[in-house]
C-alpha atoms as a PDB file:
ATOM      1  CA  MET A   1    -116.448-121.741  78.828  1.00  0.00           C
ATOM      2  CA  GLN A   2    -113.408-119.536  78.314  1.00  0.00           C
ATOM      3  CA  LYS A   3    -112.836-116.768  80.818  1.00  0.00           C
ATOM      4  CA  ARG A   4    -111.182-113.455  79.980  1.00  0.00           C
ATOM      5  CA  ARG A   5    -109.742-110.722  82.179  1.00  0.00           C
ATOM      6  CA  LEU A   6    -111.859-107.652  82.685  1.00  0.00           C
ATOM      7  CA  GLY A   7    -109.752-104.623  81.868  1.00  0.00           C
ATOM      8  CA  ARG A   8    -106.795-104.351  84.317  1.00  0.00           C
ATOM      9  CA  THR A   9    -108.775-105.896  87.122  1.00  0.00           C
ATOM     10  CA  GLY A  10    -108.264-109.318  88.569  1.00  0.00           C
ATOM     11  CA  LEU A  11    -111.735-110.399  87.546  1.00  0.00           C
ATOM     12  CA  LEU A  12    -112.145-113.235  84.994  1.00  0.00           C
ATOM     13  CA  VAL A  13    -115.480-113.175  83.118  1.00  0.00           C
ATOM     14  CA  SER A  14    -116.971-115.669  80.734  1.00  0.00           C
ATOM     15  CA  LYS A  15    -116.826-114.717  77.058  1.00  0.00           C
ATOM     16  CA  ILE A  16    -120.631-114.785  77.115  1.00  0.00           C
ATOM     17  CA  CYS A  17    -122.442-112.626  79.593  1.00  0.00           C
ATOM     18  CA  LEU A  18    -126.108-113.207  80.426  1.00  0.00           C
ATOM     19  CA  GLY A  19    -128.185-110.080  79.806  1.00  0.00           C
ATOM     20  CA  SER A  20    -131.455-109.735  81.674  1.00  0.00           C
ATOM     21  CA  MET A  21    -133.401-106.705  80.442  1.00  0.00           C
ATOM     22  CA  THR A  22    -136.546-108.706  79.454  1.00  0.00           C
ATOM     23  CA  TRP A  23    -137.036-110.158  82.945  1.00  0.00           C
ATOM     24  CA  GLY A  24    -140.027-108.504  84.514  1.00  0.00           C
ATOM     25  CA  GLN A  25    -141.975-107.826  81.337  1.00  0.00           C
ATOM     26  CA  GLN A  26    -141.427-110.310  78.575  1.00  0.00           C
ATOM     27  CA  ASN A  27    -140.151-112.897  81.050  1.00  0.00           C
ATOM     28  CA  THR A  28    -141.484-113.981  84.454  1.00  0.00           C
ATOM     29  CA  GLU A  29    -139.427-114.411  87.599  1.00  0.00           C
ATOM     30  CA  ALA A  30    -139.470-118.213  87.078  1.00  0.00           C
ATOM     31  CA  GLU A  31    -138.233-117.856  83.555  1.00  0.00           C
ATOM     32  CA  GLY A  32    -135.441-115.520  84.688  1.00  0.00           C
ATOM     33  CA  HIS A  33    -134.370-118.055  87.261  1.00  0.00           C
ATOM     34  CA  ALA A  34    -134.383-120.803  84.667  1.00  0.00           C
ATOM     35  CA  GLN A  35    -132.144-118.777  82.372  1.00  0.00           C
ATOM     36  CA  LEU A  36    -129.714-118.107  85.197  1.00  0.00           C
ATOM     37  CA  ASP A  37    -129.585-121.831  86.057  1.00  0.00           C
ATOM     38  CA  LEU A  38    -128.933-122.792  82.409  1.00  0.00           C
ATOM     39  CA  ALA A  39    -126.278-120.142  81.845  1.00  0.00           C
ATOM     40  CA  LEU A  40    -124.327-121.090  84.895  1.00  0.00           C
ATOM     41  CA  ASP A  41    -124.595-124.806  83.943  1.00  0.00           C
ATOM     42  CA  ARG A  42    -123.066-123.858  80.601  1.00  0.00           C
ATOM     43  CA  GLY A  43    -120.130-122.014  82.214  1.00  0.00           C
ATOM     44  CA  VAL A  44    -121.364-118.413  82.264  1.00  0.00           C
ATOM     45  CA  ASN A  45    -120.212-116.503  85.379  1.00  0.00           C
ATOM     46  CA  PHE A  46    -121.035-112.976  84.288  1.00  0.00           C
ATOM     47  CA  ILE A  47    -124.540-111.397  84.787  1.00  0.00           C
ATOM     48  CA  ASP A  48    -125.510-107.932  83.582  1.00  0.00           C
ATOM     49  CA  THR A  49    -128.472-105.811  84.769  1.00  0.00           C
ATOM     50  CA  ALA A  50    -129.406-102.195  85.401  1.00  0.00           C
ATOM     51  CA  GLU A  51    -131.613-100.052  87.586  1.00  0.00           C
ATOM     52  CA  LEU A  52    -133.424 -99.103  84.409  1.00  0.00           C
ATOM     53  CA  TYR A  53    -134.539-102.654  83.614  1.00  0.00           C
ATOM     54  CA  SER A  54    -136.870-104.180  82.580  1.00  0.00           C
ATOM     55  CA  ILE A  55    -137.292-102.842  79.057  1.00  0.00           C
ATOM     56  CA  PRO A  56    -139.171-100.774  77.889  1.00  0.00           C
ATOM     57  CA  PRO A  57    -138.649 -98.429  80.824  1.00  0.00           C
ATOM     58  CA  ARG A  58    -141.871 -98.063  82.918  1.00  0.00           C
ATOM     59  CA  PRO A  59    -142.395 -96.883  86.458  1.00  0.00           C
ATOM     60  CA  GLU A  60    -144.384-100.019  87.236  1.00  0.00           C
ATOM     61  CA  THR A  61    -141.529-102.346  86.204  1.00  0.00           C
ATOM     62  CA  GLN A  62    -138.367-100.324  87.010  1.00  0.00           C
ATOM     63  CA  GLY A  63    -135.998-102.442  89.118  1.00  0.00           C
ATOM     64  CA  SER A  64    -137.918-105.617  88.447  1.00  0.00           C
ATOM     65  CA  THR A  65    -134.981-107.351  86.799  1.00  0.00           C
ATOM     66  CA  GLU A  66    -132.695-106.673  89.738  1.00  0.00           C
ATOM     67  CA  ARG A  67    -135.340-108.023  92.092  1.00  0.00           C
ATOM     68  CA  ILE A  68    -135.575-111.240  90.008  1.00  0.00           C
ATOM     69  CA  ILE A  69    -131.784-111.713  90.144  1.00  0.00           C
ATOM     70  CA  GLY A  70    -131.952-110.965  93.889  1.00  0.00           C
ATOM     71  CA  SER A  71    -134.574-113.648  94.522  1.00  0.00           C
ATOM     72  CA  TRP A  72    -132.483-116.130  92.474  1.00  0.00           C
ATOM     73  CA  LEU A  73    -129.370-115.327  94.568  1.00  0.00           C
ATOM     74  CA  LYS A  74    -131.287-115.868  97.732  1.00  0.00           C
ATOM     75  CA  ARG A  75    -132.709-119.185  96.491  1.00  0.00           C
ATOM     76  CA  SER A  76    -129.458-120.472  94.934  1.00  0.00           C
ATOM     77  CA  GLY A  77    -126.859-119.115  97.309  1.00  0.00           C
ATOM     78  CA  ARG A  78    -124.520-118.724  94.349  1.00  0.00           C
ATOM     79  CA  ARG A  79    -123.429-115.048  94.778  1.00  0.00           C
ATOM     80  CA  ALA A  80    -119.805-116.136  95.003  1.00  0.00           C
ATOM     81  CA  ASP A  81    -120.028-117.919  91.644  1.00  0.00           C
ATOM     82  CA  ILE A  82    -120.877-114.845  89.554  1.00  0.00           C
ATOM     83  CA  VAL A  83    -119.473-111.543  88.506  1.00  0.00           C
ATOM     84  CA  LEU A  84    -122.470-109.198  89.001  1.00  0.00           C
ATOM     85  CA  ALA A  85    -122.742-105.968  87.049  1.00  0.00           C
ATOM     86  CA  SER A  86    -125.386-103.244  87.158  1.00  0.00           C
ATOM     87  CA  LYS A  87    -125.819 -99.693  85.923  1.00  0.00           C
ATOM     88  CA  VAL A  88    -126.964 -96.225  87.011  1.00  0.00           C
ATOM     89  CA  VAL A  89    -128.897 -94.088  84.514  1.00  0.00           C
ATOM     90  CA  GLY A  90    -127.451 -90.928  83.058  1.00  0.00           C
ATOM     91  CA  ARG A  91    -129.506 -87.793  82.657  1.00  0.00           C
ATOM     92  CA  THR A  92    -133.202 -88.586  82.317  1.00  0.00           C
ATOM     93  CA  ALA A  93    -136.364 -86.655  82.759  1.00  0.00           C
ATOM     94  CA  ASN A  94    -138.179 -89.793  83.982  1.00  0.00           C
ATOM     95  CA  GLU A  95    -138.931 -89.110  87.574  1.00  0.00           C
ATOM     96  CA  TRP A  96    -139.592 -92.623  88.934  1.00  0.00           C
ATOM     97  CA  PHE A  97    -135.893 -93.408  89.499  1.00  0.00           C
ATOM     98  CA  ARG A  98    -135.372 -90.716  92.199  1.00  0.00           C
ATOM     99  CA  GLY A  99    -138.801 -90.611  93.756  1.00  0.00           C
ATOM    100  CA  GLY A 100    -140.356 -87.794  91.855  1.00  0.00           C
ATOM    101  CA  ARG A 101    -137.531 -85.776  90.251  1.00  0.00           C
ATOM    102  CA  PRO A 102    -135.301 -86.036  87.164  1.00  0.00           C
ATOM    103  CA  SER A 103    -131.967 -87.734  87.508  1.00  0.00           C
ATOM    104  CA  LYS A 104    -128.339 -86.786  86.660  1.00  0.00           C
ATOM    105  CA  LEU A 105    -124.912 -88.153  87.380  1.00  0.00           C
ATOM    106  CA  VAL A 106    -124.476 -86.170  90.547  1.00  0.00           C
ATOM    107  CA  ARG A 107    -123.536 -87.491  94.031  1.00  0.00           C
ATOM    108  CA  ALA A 108    -127.045 -87.705  95.530  1.00  0.00           C
ATOM    109  CA  ASP A 109    -128.496 -89.511  92.497  1.00  0.00           C
ATOM    110  CA  ILE A 110    -125.598 -92.022  92.131  1.00  0.00           C
ATOM    111  CA  MET A 111    -125.694 -92.826  95.860  1.00  0.00           C
ATOM    112  CA  ASP A 112    -129.440 -93.279  95.730  1.00  0.00           C
ATOM    113  CA  ALA A 113    -129.152 -95.530  92.671  1.00  0.00           C
ATOM    114  CA  VAL A 114    -126.470 -97.849  94.055  1.00  0.00           C
ATOM    115  CA  ASP A 115    -128.188 -98.292  97.451  1.00  0.00           C
ATOM    116  CA  LYS A 116    -131.482 -99.200  95.768  1.00  0.00           C
ATOM    117  CA  SER A 117    -129.735-101.651  93.379  1.00  0.00           C
ATOM    118  CA  LEU A 118    -127.909-103.368  96.216  1.00  0.00           C
ATOM    119  CA  ALA A 119    -131.136-103.753  98.176  1.00  0.00           C
ATOM    120  CA  ARG A 120    -133.026-105.159  95.208  1.00  0.00           C
ATOM    121  CA  LEU A 121    -130.189-107.580  94.449  1.00  0.00           C
ATOM    122  CA  GLY A 122    -129.763-108.544  98.051  1.00  0.00           C
ATOM    123  CA  THR A 123    -126.030-108.118  98.020  1.00  0.00           C
ATOM    124  CA  ASP A 124    -123.613-105.760  99.701  1.00  0.00           C
ATOM    125  CA  CYS A 125    -121.298-105.176  96.769  1.00  0.00           C
ATOM    126  CA  LEU A 126    -121.407-104.958  92.967  1.00  0.00           C
ATOM    127  CA  ASP A 127    -118.500-106.375  91.112  1.00  0.00           C
ATOM    128  CA  LEU A 128    -118.902-103.841  88.293  1.00  0.00           C
ATOM    129  CA  TYR A 129    -120.984-100.682  88.379  1.00  0.00           C
ATOM    130  CA  GLN A 130    -121.414 -98.852  85.073  1.00  0.00           C
ATOM    131  CA  ILE A 131    -122.842 -95.531  83.798  1.00  0.00           C
ATOM    132  CA  HIS A 132    -125.659 -96.683  81.606  1.00  0.00           C
ATOM    133  CA  PHE A 133    -125.433 -93.722  79.203  1.00  0.00           C
ATOM    134  CA  PRO A 134    -123.600 -90.390  79.388  1.00  0.00           C
ATOM    135  CA  GLU A 135    -125.205 -87.413  81.059  1.00  0.00           C
ATOM    136  CA  ARG A 136    -123.978 -85.117  78.276  1.00  0.00           C
ATOM    137  CA  ARG A 137    -125.539 -85.298  74.812  1.00  0.00           C
ATOM    138  CA  VAL A 138    -123.662 -87.668  72.493  1.00  0.00           C
ATOM    139  CA  PRO A 139    -124.636 -87.499  68.793  1.00  0.00           C
ATOM    140  CA  TRP A 140    -125.026 -91.227  68.042  1.00  0.00           C
ATOM    141  CA  GLY A 141    -127.143 -94.262  68.685  1.00  0.00           C
ATOM    142  CA  SER A 142    -130.233 -93.597  70.818  1.00  0.00           C
ATOM    143  CA  SER A 143    -129.097 -90.264  72.039  1.00  0.00           C
ATOM    144  CA  PRO A 144    -131.564 -87.331  71.798  1.00  0.00           C
ATOM    145  CA  THR A 145    -128.953 -85.574  69.666  1.00  0.00           C
ATOM    146  CA  ARG A 146    -129.064 -87.201  66.258  1.00  0.00           C
ATOM    147  CA  VAL A 147    -126.085 -88.432  64.276  1.00  0.00           C
ATOM    148  CA  GLY A 148    -124.716 -85.698  62.027  1.00  0.00           C
ATOM    149  CA  GLU A 149    -126.043 -82.766  64.092  1.00  0.00           C
ATOM    150  CA  TRP A 150    -123.241 -80.336  64.616  1.00  0.00           C
ATOM    151  CA  PRO A 151    -122.274 -78.675  66.802  1.00  0.00           C
ATOM    152  CA  ALA A 152    -123.604 -81.216  69.263  1.00  0.00           C
ATOM    153  CA  GLN A 153    -126.112 -79.801  71.754  1.00  0.00           C
ATOM    154  CA  ARG A 154    -124.882 -79.130  75.264  1.00  0.00           C
ATOM    155  CA  ASP A 155    -126.817 -78.661  78.478  1.00  0.00           C
ATOM    156  CA  ALA A 156    -125.894 -75.661  80.590  1.00  0.00           C
ATOM    157  CA  ASP A 157    -126.024 -77.765  83.745  1.00  0.00           C
ATOM    158  CA  GLU A 158    -123.892 -80.652  82.410  1.00  0.00           C
ATOM    159  CA  THR A 159    -122.157 -82.416  85.295  1.00  0.00           C
ATOM    160  CA  PRO A 160    -118.311 -82.478  84.885  1.00  0.00           C
ATOM    161  CA  ILE A 161    -116.859 -85.944  84.409  1.00  0.00           C
ATOM    162  CA  ALA A 162    -114.462 -85.295  87.295  1.00  0.00           C
ATOM    163  CA  GLU A 163    -117.358 -84.653  89.654  1.00  0.00           C
ATOM    164  CA  THR A 164    -119.125 -87.870  88.565  1.00  0.00           C
ATOM    165  CA  LEU A 165    -115.970 -90.022  88.815  1.00  0.00           C
ATOM    166  CA  ALA A 166    -115.203 -88.754  92.316  1.00  0.00           C
ATOM    167  CA  VAL A 167    -118.533 -90.345  93.526  1.00  0.00           C
ATOM    168  CA  PHE A 168    -117.461 -93.732  92.155  1.00  0.00           C
ATOM    169  CA  ALA A 169    -114.195 -93.388  94.119  1.00  0.00           C
ATOM    170  CA  ASP A 170    -116.283 -93.029  97.289  1.00  0.00           C
ATOM    171  CA  LEU A 171    -118.375 -96.042  96.317  1.00  0.00           C
ATOM    172  CA  VAL A 172    -115.169 -98.165  96.022  1.00  0.00           C
ATOM    173  CA  LYS A 173    -113.882 -96.871  99.372  1.00  0.00           C
ATOM    174  CA  ALA A 174    -117.231 -97.726 100.989  1.00  0.00           C
ATOM    175  CA  GLY A 175    -117.090-101.302  99.579  1.00  0.00           C
ATOM    176  CA  LYS A 176    -120.311-100.904  97.641  1.00  0.00           C
ATOM    177  CA  ILE A 177    -118.622-101.511  94.257  1.00  0.00           C
ATOM    178  CA  ARG A 178    -115.395-103.188  93.191  1.00  0.00           C
ATOM    179  CA  HIS A 179    -114.886-101.819  89.730  1.00  0.00           C
ATOM    180  CA  PHE A 180    -116.202 -99.072  87.434  1.00  0.00           C
ATOM    181  CA  GLY A 181    -117.359 -99.198  83.799  1.00  0.00           C
ATOM    182  CA  LEU A 182    -119.015 -97.126  81.056  1.00  0.00           C
ATOM    183  CA  SER A 183    -121.777 -97.849  78.559  1.00  0.00           C
ATOM    184  CA  ASN A 184    -122.919 -96.199  75.318  1.00  0.00           C
ATOM    185  CA  GLU A 185    -119.823 -94.034  75.480  1.00  0.00           C
ATOM    186  CA  SER A 186    -117.625 -92.397  72.840  1.00  0.00           C
ATOM    187  CA  ALA A 187    -113.834 -92.412  72.333  1.00  0.00           C
ATOM    188  CA  TRP A 188    -113.665 -88.888  73.805  1.00  0.00           C
ATOM    189  CA  GLY A 189    -115.681 -89.852  76.825  1.00  0.00           C
ATOM    190  CA  VAL A 190    -113.637 -92.948  77.537  1.00  0.00           C
ATOM    191  CA  MET A 191    -110.379 -90.996  77.267  1.00  0.00           C
ATOM    192  CA  ARG A 192    -111.697 -88.221  79.539  1.00  0.00           C
ATOM    193  CA  PHE A 193    -112.616 -90.675  82.227  1.00  0.00           C
ATOM    194  CA  LEU A 194    -109.187 -92.329  81.939  1.00  0.00           C
ATOM    195  CA  PHE A 195    -107.524 -88.917  82.102  1.00  0.00           C
ATOM    196  CA  GLU A 196    -109.376 -88.104  85.312  1.00  0.00           C
ATOM    197  CA  SER A 197    -108.545 -91.500  86.827  1.00  0.00           C
ATOM    198  CA  GLU A 198    -104.895 -90.992  86.081  1.00  0.00           C
ATOM    199  CA  LYS A 199    -105.096 -87.698  87.989  1.00  0.00           C
ATOM    200  CA  GLY A 200    -106.357 -89.613  90.955  1.00  0.00           C
ATOM    201  CA  THR A 201    -109.954 -88.467  90.770  1.00  0.00           C
ATOM    202  CA  GLY A 202    -111.501 -91.876  90.846  1.00  0.00           C
ATOM    203  CA  PRO A 203    -111.341 -95.507  89.706  1.00  0.00           C
ATOM    204  CA  ARG A 204    -110.005 -96.528  86.359  1.00  0.00           C
ATOM    205  CA  VAL A 205    -112.445 -97.526  83.615  1.00  0.00           C
ATOM    206  CA  ALA A 206    -112.452-101.346  83.466  1.00  0.00           C
ATOM    207  CA  SER A 207    -114.955-101.854  80.718  1.00  0.00           C
ATOM    208  CA  LEU A 208    -117.098-100.305  78.048  1.00  0.00           C
ATOM    209  CA  GLN A 209    -120.520-101.680  77.203  1.00  0.00           C
ATOM    210  CA  ASN A 210    -121.413-100.627  73.676  1.00  0.00           C
ATOM    211  CA  ALA A 211    -123.497-102.052  70.869  1.00  0.00           C
ATOM    212  CA  TYR A 212    -121.539-104.123  68.399  1.00  0.00           C
ATOM    213  CA  ASN A 213    -122.902-106.413  65.714  1.00  0.00           C
ATOM    214  CA  LEU A 214    -122.829-107.115  61.979  1.00  0.00           C
ATOM    215  CA  VAL A 215    -124.756-103.899  61.160  1.00  0.00           C
ATOM    216  CA  ASN A 216    -122.982-101.719  63.738  1.00  0.00           C
ATOM    217  CA  ARG A 217    -119.206-102.018  63.754  1.00  0.00           C
ATOM    218  CA  THR A 218    -118.622 -98.413  64.621  1.00  0.00           C
ATOM    219  CA  PHE A 219    -116.580 -99.555  67.606  1.00  0.00           C
ATOM    220  CA  GLU A 220    -113.789-100.573  65.262  1.00  0.00           C
ATOM    221  CA  VAL A 221    -113.187 -97.063  64.000  1.00  0.00           C
ATOM    222  CA  ASN A 222    -111.782 -95.280  67.002  1.00  0.00           C
ATOM    223  CA  LEU A 223    -112.815 -97.068  70.186  1.00  0.00           C
ATOM    224  CA  ALA A 224    -111.057-100.358  69.284  1.00  0.00           C
ATOM    225  CA  GLU A 225    -107.651 -98.629  69.432  1.00  0.00           C
ATOM    226  CA  VAL A 226    -108.577 -96.790  72.706  1.00  0.00           C
ATOM    227  CA  CYS A 227    -109.708 -99.965  74.386  1.00  0.00           C
ATOM    228  CA  ASP A 228    -106.732-102.011  73.170  1.00  0.00           C
ATOM    229  CA  ARG A 229    -104.080 -99.550  74.204  1.00  0.00           C
ATOM    230  CA  GLU A 230    -105.768 -98.590  77.472  1.00  0.00           C
ATOM    231  CA  GLU A 231    -106.836-102.211  78.403  1.00  0.00           C
ATOM    232  CA  VAL A 232    -110.498-101.378  78.629  1.00  0.00           C
ATOM    233  CA  SER A 233    -112.693-104.394  77.973  1.00  0.00           C
ATOM    234  CA  LEU A 234    -115.491-104.263  75.360  1.00  0.00           C
ATOM    235  CA  LEU A 235    -118.699-105.826  76.635  1.00  0.00           C
ATOM    236  CA  ALA A 236    -120.624-106.060  73.352  1.00  0.00           C
ATOM    237  CA  TYR A 237    -124.382-105.687  73.642  1.00  0.00           C
ATOM    238  CA  SER A 238    -127.042-106.361  71.048  1.00  0.00           C
ATOM    239  CA  PRO A 239    -125.082-109.031  69.077  1.00  0.00           C
ATOM    240  CA  LEU A 240    -128.356-109.953  67.312  1.00  0.00           C
ATOM    241  CA  ALA A 241    -129.337-106.318  66.655  1.00  0.00           C
ATOM    242  CA  GLN A 242    -132.443-106.589  68.824  1.00  0.00           C
ATOM    243  CA  GLY A 243    -133.452-109.758  66.941  1.00  0.00           C
ATOM    244  CA  TYR A 244    -133.116-108.287  63.486  1.00  0.00           C
ATOM    245  CA  LEU A 245    -130.137-110.612  62.796  1.00  0.00           C
ATOM    246  CA  THR A 246    -132.197-113.691  63.562  1.00  0.00           C
ATOM    247  CA  GLY A 247    -134.192-113.462  60.355  1.00  0.00           C
ATOM    248  CA  LYS A 248    -137.508-113.235  62.089  1.00  0.00           C
ATOM    249  CA  TYR A 249    -138.179-109.634  60.805  1.00  0.00           C
ATOM    250  CA  ASP A 250    -137.050-110.307  57.265  1.00  0.00           C
ATOM    251  CA  HIS A 251    -139.294-109.019  54.494  1.00  0.00           C
ATOM    252  CA  GLY A 252    -141.124-106.815  56.978  1.00  0.00           C
ATOM    253  CA  ALA A 253    -142.436-109.639  59.106  1.00  0.00           C
ATOM    254  CA  ARG A 254    -143.605-108.816  62.665  1.00  0.00           C
ATOM    255  CA  PRO A 255    -144.179-112.118  64.438  1.00  0.00           C
ATOM    256  CA  PRO A 256    -146.516-112.160  67.478  1.00  0.00           C
ATOM    257  CA  GLY A 257    -144.649-111.828  70.756  1.00  0.00           C
ATOM    258  CA  ALA A 258    -141.464-110.421  69.195  1.00  0.00           C
ATOM    259  CA  ARG A 259    -139.996-107.276  70.823  1.00  0.00           C
ATOM    260  CA  SER A 260    -140.551-104.985  67.854  1.00  0.00           C
ATOM    261  CA  THR A 261    -144.057-106.263  67.483  1.00  0.00           C
ATOM    262  CA  LEU A 262    -144.876-105.710  71.100  1.00  0.00           C
ATOM    263  CA  PHE A 263    -143.126-102.442  71.851  1.00  0.00           C
ATOM    264  CA  ASP A 264    -142.158-100.704  68.554  1.00  0.00           C
ATOM    265  CA  ARG A 265    -138.694 -99.942  69.845  1.00  0.00           C
ATOM    266  CA  GLY A 266    -136.538-101.193  66.950  1.00  0.00           C
ATOM    267  CA  GLN A 267    -135.967 -97.785  65.275  1.00  0.00           C
ATOM    268  CA  ARG A 268    -132.188 -98.212  65.567  1.00  0.00           C
ATOM    269  CA  TYR A 269    -132.529-101.160  63.128  1.00  0.00           C
ATOM    270  CA  GLN A 270    -135.131 -99.564  60.897  1.00  0.00           C
ATOM    271  CA  THR A 271    -132.884 -96.946  59.288  1.00  0.00           C
ATOM    272  CA  PRO A 272    -132.798 -96.344  55.502  1.00  0.00           C
ATOM    273  CA  ASN A 273    -131.283 -99.416  53.784  1.00  0.00           C
ATOM    274  CA  ALA A 274    -131.150-101.368  57.023  1.00  0.00           C
ATOM    275  CA  ALA A 275    -133.746-103.997  55.935  1.00  0.00           C
ATOM    276  CA  ASP A 276    -131.773-104.863  52.759  1.00  0.00           C
ATOM    277  CA  VAL A 277    -128.494-105.193  54.611  1.00  0.00           C
ATOM    278  CA  LEU A 278    -129.978-107.219  57.436  1.00  0.00           C
ATOM    279  CA  LEU A 279    -131.485-109.608  54.870  1.00  0.00           C
ATOM    280  CA  GLU A 280    -128.198-109.900  53.124  1.00  0.00           C
ATOM    281  CA  TYR A 281    -126.443-111.015  56.348  1.00  0.00           C
ATOM    282  CA  ASN A 282    -129.238-113.363  57.241  1.00  0.00           C
ATOM    283  CA  THR A 283    -129.048-114.898  53.824  1.00  0.00           C
ATOM    284  CA  LEU A 284    -125.278-115.227  54.076  1.00  0.00           C
ATOM    285  CA  ALA A 285    -125.658-117.163  57.344  1.00  0.00           C
ATOM    286  CA  ARG A 286    -127.998-119.616  55.640  1.00  0.00           C
ATOM    287  CA  ASP A 287    -125.623-119.956  52.771  1.00  0.00           C
ATOM    288  CA  PHE A 288    -123.065-121.182  55.288  1.00  0.00           C
ATOM    289  CA  GLY A 289    -125.616-123.677  56.655  1.00  0.00           C
ATOM    290  CA  MET A 290    -126.166-121.809  59.924  1.00  0.00           C
ATOM    291  CA  GLU A 291    -129.118-120.202  61.643  1.00  0.00           C
ATOM    292  CA  PRO A 292    -128.786-116.380  61.292  1.00  0.00           C
ATOM    293  CA  ALA A 293    -128.928-115.985  65.098  1.00  0.00           C
ATOM    294  CA  LEU A 294    -126.058-118.396  65.646  1.00  0.00           C
ATOM    295  CA  PHE A 295    -124.009-116.840  62.813  1.00  0.00           C
ATOM    296  CA  ALA A 296    -124.432-113.296  64.115  1.00  0.00           C
ATOM    297  CA  ALA A 297    -123.751-114.258  67.725  1.00  0.00           C
ATOM    298  CA  ALA A 298    -120.653-116.208  66.734  1.00  0.00           C
ATOM    299  CA  PHE A 299    -119.295-113.271  64.753  1.00  0.00           C
ATOM    300  CA  VAL A 300    -119.367-111.051  67.879  1.00  0.00           C
ATOM    301  CA  VAL A 301    -118.049-113.472  70.463  1.00  0.00           C
ATOM    302  CA  THR A 302    -115.114-114.511  68.220  1.00  0.00           C
ATOM    303  CA  ARG A 303    -113.818-110.979  67.558  1.00  0.00           C
ATOM    304  CA  PRO A 304    -110.433-110.606  69.287  1.00  0.00           C
ATOM    305  CA  PHE A 305    -111.333-107.235  70.859  1.00  0.00           C
ATOM    306  CA  VAL A 306    -114.515-108.515  72.505  1.00  0.00           C
ATOM    307  CA  THR A 307    -114.000-109.589  76.129  1.00  0.00           C
ATOM    308  CA  SER A 308    -117.619-110.687  76.597  1.00  0.00           C
ATOM    309  CA  SER A 309    -120.740-110.696  74.395  1.00  0.00           C
ATOM    310  CA  ILE A 310    -123.950-109.867  76.295  1.00  0.00           C
ATOM    311  CA  VAL A 311    -126.748-112.104  75.155  1.00  0.00           C
ATOM    312  CA  GLY A 312    -130.456-111.848  75.994  1.00  0.00           C
ATOM    313  CA  ALA A 313    -133.308-114.237  75.290  1.00  0.00           C
ATOM    314  CA  THR A 314    -136.994-114.543  75.957  1.00  0.00           C
ATOM    315  CA  SER A 315    -137.025-118.341  75.535  1.00  0.00           C
ATOM    316  CA  MET A 316    -134.744-121.161  76.539  1.00  0.00           C
ATOM    317  CA  ALA A 317    -134.300-122.137  72.946  1.00  0.00           C
ATOM    318  CA  GLN A 318    -133.051-118.662  72.090  1.00  0.00           C
ATOM    319  CA  LEU A 319    -130.653-118.801  75.030  1.00  0.00           C
ATOM    320  CA  GLU A 320    -129.312-122.241  73.949  1.00  0.00           C
ATOM    321  CA  ILE A 321    -128.473-120.845  70.508  1.00  0.00           C
ATOM    322  CA  ALA A 322    -126.732-117.767  72.044  1.00  0.00           C
ATOM    323  CA  LEU A 323    -124.640-119.980  74.328  1.00  0.00           C
ATOM    324  CA  ASP A 324    -123.795-122.356  71.454  1.00  0.00           C
ATOM    325  CA  ALA A 325    -122.083-119.412  69.715  1.00  0.00           C
ATOM    326  CA  ALA A 326    -119.181-119.779  72.145  1.00  0.00           C
ATOM    327  CA  ASP A 327    -118.237-123.071  70.494  1.00  0.00           C
ATOM    328  CA  VAL A 328    -118.581-121.984  66.804  1.00  0.00           C
ATOM    329  CA  ASP A 329    -115.503-121.903  64.645  1.00  0.00           C
ATOM    330  CA  PHE A 330    -116.027-118.677  62.693  1.00  0.00           C
ATOM    331  CA  THR A 331    -113.841-119.411  59.696  1.00  0.00           C
ATOM    332  CA  PRO A 332    -111.671-117.040  57.622  1.00  0.00           C
ATOM    333  CA  GLU A 333    -114.116-117.676  54.740  1.00  0.00           C
ATOM    334  CA  MET A 334    -117.055-116.494  56.867  1.00  0.00           C
ATOM    335  CA  LEU A 335    -115.169-113.379  57.987  1.00  0.00           C
ATOM    336  CA  ALA A 336    -114.130-112.534  54.435  1.00  0.00           C
ATOM    337  CA  ALA A 337    -117.786-112.837  53.277  1.00  0.00           C
ATOM    338  CA  VAL A 338    -118.923-110.632  56.127  1.00  0.00           C
ATOM    339  CA  ASP A 339    -116.251-108.068  55.425  1.00  0.00           C
ATOM    340  CA  ALA A 340    -117.249-107.975  51.742  1.00  0.00           C
ATOM    341  CA  ILE A 341    -120.821-106.968  52.694  1.00  0.00           C
ATOM    342  CA  HIS A 342    -119.474-104.488  55.270  1.00  0.00           C
ATOM    343  CA  GLN A 343    -117.178-102.841  52.685  1.00  0.00           C
ATOM    344  CA  ARG A 344    -120.255-102.107  50.523  1.00  0.00           C
ATOM    345  CA  THR A 345    -122.782-101.205  53.156  1.00  0.00           C
ATOM    346  CA  GLY A 346    -120.852 -99.810  56.092  1.00  0.00           C
ATOM    347  CA  ASN A 347    -122.756 -99.396  59.362  1.00  0.00           C
ATOM    348  CA  PRO A 348    -126.415 -98.840  58.594  1.00  0.00           C
ATOM    349  CA  CYS A 349    -127.475 -99.070  62.226  1.00  0.00           C
ATOM    350  CA  PRO A 350    -125.082 -97.042  64.371  1.00  0.00           C
END
């Protein structure tokens, strides 16, 4: 599988990254291990997790995904074969991360997070350590500030970006992390972190992990130029729009065992007009003779500004399809048909 450089670092990561957020709830430890074995056999060398996982967030299962990866690393002895990424939560009122208090992106909380992640994973260093979501309120996606609200809400105790980045500088010096990345971040946020790194405050942003798929191409508007000119790698998550681009939810279906059926967490893909647009893309895939899941995954992984597409699966069959996307020839005719829909419908699920 093709490897691509991560930002300005010396790391080469596979163009498909194995996501892991279902391990510990929808998937057992054994199933997580099987997915890791298959992914590495198919050429994947990039594994993404987070202290938050598994999903949905619960105190009983927090950190379970890192523990599953840690047990696989101990069993397989393949730590040197992978680029391992994890994340620290931003501001959250959930108290189970920090032993009974809310969490922010301040020194004590970041240090606590990374030490616990390293212990669960059974490793002494993370190749990439990311901020899972900003501490400040960002008016988009799953943020508590809704899209269109202006002026955006601000918390009086918002932690300055410079203060947060300085902690990551100390983590690099201590050898606990190699590189630093962002997730669910805006163009302004990426540039502010880059500005502070250029001042010498802390490590340079290597990557940005944001949602990108057929019904959410907002990355292309401003962030694509930022990441291109500043050499920040896009790690695209949710290429299948939480399963809505597989066709299994078409016409209002809620199949047993599916994530939206189990957890009712698909609101991002249940916005006005979303169902019609999702159906249109899924129908387009079939018109080209492809499974919707393969078509949607191939669209993301073949975009020239995507360094790696983060795929998740709850079954081996789903994972096989996601990995097959790396070998699909997404033709100019396919892209033209996708762009024709996008021109009419925009981004219904930002």
